[in-house]
């Protein structure tokens, strides 16, 4: 009968910021992007934080040890 509903949360003792549940608690589906002047910060579902630095050509450098790419589209998204 359809897909099963799964709700999971993670406690991250290394990160002081909070998710929707409470400080240091993150729900499985929570993610956010924040763009500053020369970097984009991705907060993952476990509260992990990746910082992508912006190069002079507008591309983004992936943090060492990660295989994620970040790309700005021509429409600004």
N, C-alpha and C. Protein backbone atom coordinates (compact mmCIF):
# COMPACT_ATOMS: atom_id res chain seq x y z
N UNK A 1 0.82 -1.17 0.00
CA UNK A 1 0.00 0.00 0.00
C UNK A 1 0.87 1.25 0.00
N UNK A 2 1.50 1.55 -1.09
CA UNK A 2 2.31 2.77 -1.18
C UNK A 2 3.64 2.63 -0.47
N UNK A 3 4.30 3.75 -0.33
CA UNK A 3 5.60 3.76 0.33
C UNK A 3 5.43 3.88 1.84
N UNK A 4 6.40 3.32 2.56
CA UNK A 4 6.39 3.42 4.01
C UNK A 4 6.91 4.79 4.42
N UNK A 5 6.33 5.35 5.44
CA UNK A 5 6.78 6.61 5.99
C UNK A 5 7.91 6.35 6.97
N UNK A 6 9.00 7.09 6.80
CA UNK A 6 10.13 6.93 7.70
C UNK A 6 10.53 8.31 8.22
N UNK A 7 10.56 8.44 9.51
CA UNK A 7 11.04 9.66 10.15
C UNK A 7 12.23 9.28 11.01
N UNK A 8 13.35 9.91 10.73
CA UNK A 8 14.56 9.62 11.49
C UNK A 8 15.22 10.93 11.88
N UNK A 9 15.93 10.91 12.98
CA UNK A 9 16.65 12.10 13.40
C UNK A 9 18.05 11.70 13.83
N UNK A 10 18.94 12.68 13.80
CA UNK A 10 20.34 12.47 14.13
C UNK A 10 20.76 13.52 15.15
N UNK A 11 21.54 13.11 16.13
CA UNK A 11 22.11 14.04 17.10
C UNK A 11 23.55 14.29 16.71
N UNK A 12 23.92 15.57 16.60
CA UNK A 12 25.28 15.94 16.22
C UNK A 12 25.88 16.75 17.36
N UNK A 13 26.71 16.12 18.18
CA UNK A 13 27.28 16.79 19.35
C UNK A 13 28.39 17.78 18.97
N UNK A 14 28.87 17.74 17.73
CA UNK A 14 29.93 18.64 17.30
C UNK A 14 29.40 19.97 16.80
N UNK A 15 28.12 20.06 16.50
CA UNK A 15 27.56 21.26 15.91
C UNK A 15 26.56 21.89 16.87
N UNK A 16 26.76 23.15 17.18
CA UNK A 16 25.88 23.83 18.13
C UNK A 16 24.61 24.39 17.53
N UNK A 17 24.53 24.44 16.21
CA UNK A 17 23.31 24.96 15.60
C UNK A 17 22.21 23.92 15.68
N UNK A 18 21.02 24.34 15.41
CA UNK A 18 19.91 23.42 15.56
C UNK A 18 19.12 23.23 14.29
N UNK A 19 18.52 22.09 14.20
CA UNK A 19 17.60 21.81 13.11
C UNK A 19 16.19 22.18 13.54
N UNK A 20 15.21 21.63 12.88
CA UNK A 20 13.83 21.94 13.18
C UNK A 20 13.36 21.33 14.50
N UNK A 21 13.98 20.23 14.91
CA UNK A 21 13.55 19.55 16.13
C UNK A 21 14.04 20.30 17.36
N UNK A 22 15.34 20.51 17.46
CA UNK A 22 15.95 21.18 18.61
C UNK A 22 17.42 21.40 18.32
N UNK A 23 18.10 22.08 19.24
CA UNK A 23 19.52 22.31 19.06
C UNK A 23 20.27 20.99 18.98
N UNK A 24 21.09 20.86 17.97
CA UNK A 24 21.92 19.69 17.68
C UNK A 24 21.16 18.48 17.15
N UNK A 25 19.86 18.57 17.03
CA UNK A 25 19.06 17.48 16.48
C UNK A 25 18.62 17.82 15.07
N UNK A 26 18.80 16.89 14.15
CA UNK A 26 18.48 17.09 12.73
C UNK A 26 17.57 15.98 12.26
N UNK A 27 16.56 16.34 11.48
CA UNK A 27 15.70 15.33 10.87
C UNK A 27 16.31 14.91 9.54
N UNK A 28 16.03 13.71 9.13
CA UNK A 28 16.64 13.11 7.96
C UNK A 28 16.46 13.95 6.68
N UNK A 29 15.38 14.66 6.56
CA UNK A 29 15.11 15.40 5.33
C UNK A 29 15.58 16.86 5.38
N UNK A 30 16.17 17.31 6.47
CA UNK A 30 16.59 18.71 6.59
C UNK A 30 17.90 18.96 5.85
N UNK A 31 17.89 19.99 5.03
CA UNK A 31 19.09 20.46 4.36
C UNK A 31 18.90 21.96 4.11
N UNK A 32 20.00 22.69 4.04
CA UNK A 32 19.88 24.11 3.74
C UNK A 32 21.13 24.60 3.02
N UNK A 33 20.95 25.66 2.24
CA UNK A 33 22.06 26.34 1.57
C UNK A 33 22.05 27.79 2.01
N UNK A 34 23.22 28.32 2.29
CA UNK A 34 23.36 29.72 2.63
C UNK A 34 24.50 30.29 1.78
N UNK A 35 24.23 31.37 1.09
CA UNK A 35 25.25 31.97 0.24
C UNK A 35 25.73 33.27 0.84
N UNK A 36 27.04 33.39 1.00
CA UNK A 36 27.64 34.64 1.44
C UNK A 36 28.41 35.22 0.25
N UNK A 37 29.24 36.19 0.51
CA UNK A 37 29.92 36.89 -0.58
C UNK A 37 30.80 35.99 -1.44
N UNK A 38 31.55 35.08 -0.82
CA UNK A 38 32.49 34.26 -1.61
C UNK A 38 32.41 32.76 -1.31
N UNK A 39 31.33 32.33 -0.69
CA UNK A 39 31.17 30.90 -0.44
C UNK A 39 29.69 30.54 -0.30
N UNK A 40 29.44 29.24 -0.45
CA UNK A 40 28.11 28.69 -0.20
C UNK A 40 28.27 27.61 0.86
N UNK A 41 27.43 27.67 1.88
CA UNK A 41 27.49 26.72 2.98
C UNK A 41 26.30 25.77 2.88
N UNK A 42 26.58 24.49 2.77
CA UNK A 42 25.56 23.45 2.70
C UNK A 42 25.51 22.75 4.05
N UNK A 43 24.35 22.76 4.68
CA UNK A 43 24.14 22.02 5.91
C UNK A 43 23.34 20.78 5.56
N UNK A 44 23.90 19.61 5.82
CA UNK A 44 23.27 18.34 5.46
C UNK A 44 22.30 17.85 6.50
N UNK A 45 21.72 16.70 6.23
CA UNK A 45 20.67 16.13 7.08
C UNK A 45 21.16 15.70 8.45
N UNK A 46 22.48 15.55 8.62
CA UNK A 46 23.01 15.17 9.93
C UNK A 46 23.63 16.35 10.65
N UNK A 47 23.47 17.55 10.10
CA UNK A 47 24.08 18.74 10.68
C UNK A 47 25.49 18.97 10.19
N UNK A 48 25.96 18.13 9.26
CA UNK A 48 27.29 18.32 8.70
C UNK A 48 27.30 19.59 7.85
N UNK A 49 28.44 20.27 7.84
CA UNK A 49 28.55 21.54 7.12
C UNK A 49 29.66 21.44 6.10
N UNK A 50 29.33 21.76 4.85
CA UNK A 50 30.31 21.81 3.76
C UNK A 50 30.39 23.24 3.26
N UNK A 51 31.60 23.73 3.10
CA UNK A 51 31.80 25.10 2.60
C UNK A 51 32.41 25.04 1.21
N UNK A 52 31.66 25.52 0.23
CA UNK A 52 32.12 25.60 -1.15
C UNK A 52 32.61 27.02 -1.40
N UNK A 53 33.88 27.20 -1.70
CA UNK A 53 34.40 28.54 -1.97
C UNK A 53 34.23 28.87 -3.44
N UNK A 54 33.93 30.13 -3.70
CA UNK A 54 33.69 30.57 -5.08
C UNK A 54 34.98 31.07 -5.70
N UNK A 55 35.29 30.57 -6.90
CA UNK A 55 36.46 31.00 -7.64
C UNK A 55 36.14 32.27 -8.43
N UNK A 56 37.16 32.91 -8.95
CA UNK A 56 36.96 34.16 -9.69
C UNK A 56 36.13 33.97 -10.96
N UNK A 57 36.09 32.75 -11.49
CA UNK A 57 35.30 32.49 -12.70
C UNK A 57 33.84 32.12 -12.38
N UNK A 58 33.47 32.14 -11.09
CA UNK A 58 32.09 31.83 -10.69
C UNK A 58 31.85 30.37 -10.36
N UNK A 59 32.84 29.51 -10.59
CA UNK A 59 32.69 28.09 -10.23
C UNK A 59 32.94 27.94 -8.73
N UNK A 60 32.62 26.75 -8.19
CA UNK A 60 32.78 26.50 -6.76
C UNK A 60 33.75 25.35 -6.54
N UNK A 61 34.59 25.48 -5.53
CA UNK A 61 35.55 24.45 -5.18
C UNK A 61 34.94 23.55 -4.10
N UNK A 62 34.92 22.25 -4.40
CA UNK A 62 34.38 21.26 -3.47
C UNK A 62 35.37 21.05 -2.32
N UNK A 63 34.90 20.97 -1.09
CA UNK A 63 35.80 20.72 0.04
C UNK A 63 36.54 19.39 -0.13
N UNK A 64 37.77 19.34 0.32
CA UNK A 64 38.57 18.11 0.22
C UNK A 64 37.88 16.98 0.97
N UNK A 65 37.91 15.80 0.37
CA UNK A 65 37.32 14.62 0.98
C UNK A 65 35.87 14.39 0.60
N UNK A 66 35.30 15.27 -0.21
CA UNK A 66 33.90 15.13 -0.62
C UNK A 66 33.80 15.02 -2.13
N UNK A 67 32.76 14.34 -2.60
CA UNK A 67 32.55 14.15 -4.03
C UNK A 67 31.26 14.84 -4.47
N UNK A 68 30.96 15.99 -3.89
CA UNK A 68 29.75 16.73 -4.24
C UNK A 68 30.14 17.93 -5.08
N UNK A 69 29.35 18.23 -6.07
CA UNK A 69 29.60 19.39 -6.92
C UNK A 69 28.51 20.41 -6.70
N UNK A 70 28.87 21.67 -6.80
CA UNK A 70 27.91 22.75 -6.67
C UNK A 70 28.06 23.65 -7.89
N UNK A 71 26.94 23.98 -8.51
CA UNK A 71 26.96 24.75 -9.73
C UNK A 71 25.88 25.82 -9.67
N UNK A 72 26.23 27.04 -10.07
CA UNK A 72 25.25 28.11 -10.17
C UNK A 72 24.70 28.11 -11.60
N UNK A 73 23.39 28.08 -11.73
CA UNK A 73 22.76 28.13 -13.05
C UNK A 73 22.71 29.56 -13.57
N UNK A 74 22.57 29.70 -14.88
CA UNK A 74 22.55 31.03 -15.49
C UNK A 74 21.35 31.86 -15.04
N UNK A 75 20.28 31.20 -14.58
CA UNK A 75 19.10 31.95 -14.10
C UNK A 75 19.21 32.35 -12.64
N UNK A 76 20.38 32.10 -12.02
CA UNK A 76 20.61 32.49 -10.64
C UNK A 76 20.23 31.47 -9.60
N UNK A 77 19.73 30.32 -10.03
CA UNK A 77 19.37 29.28 -9.07
C UNK A 77 20.53 28.35 -8.80
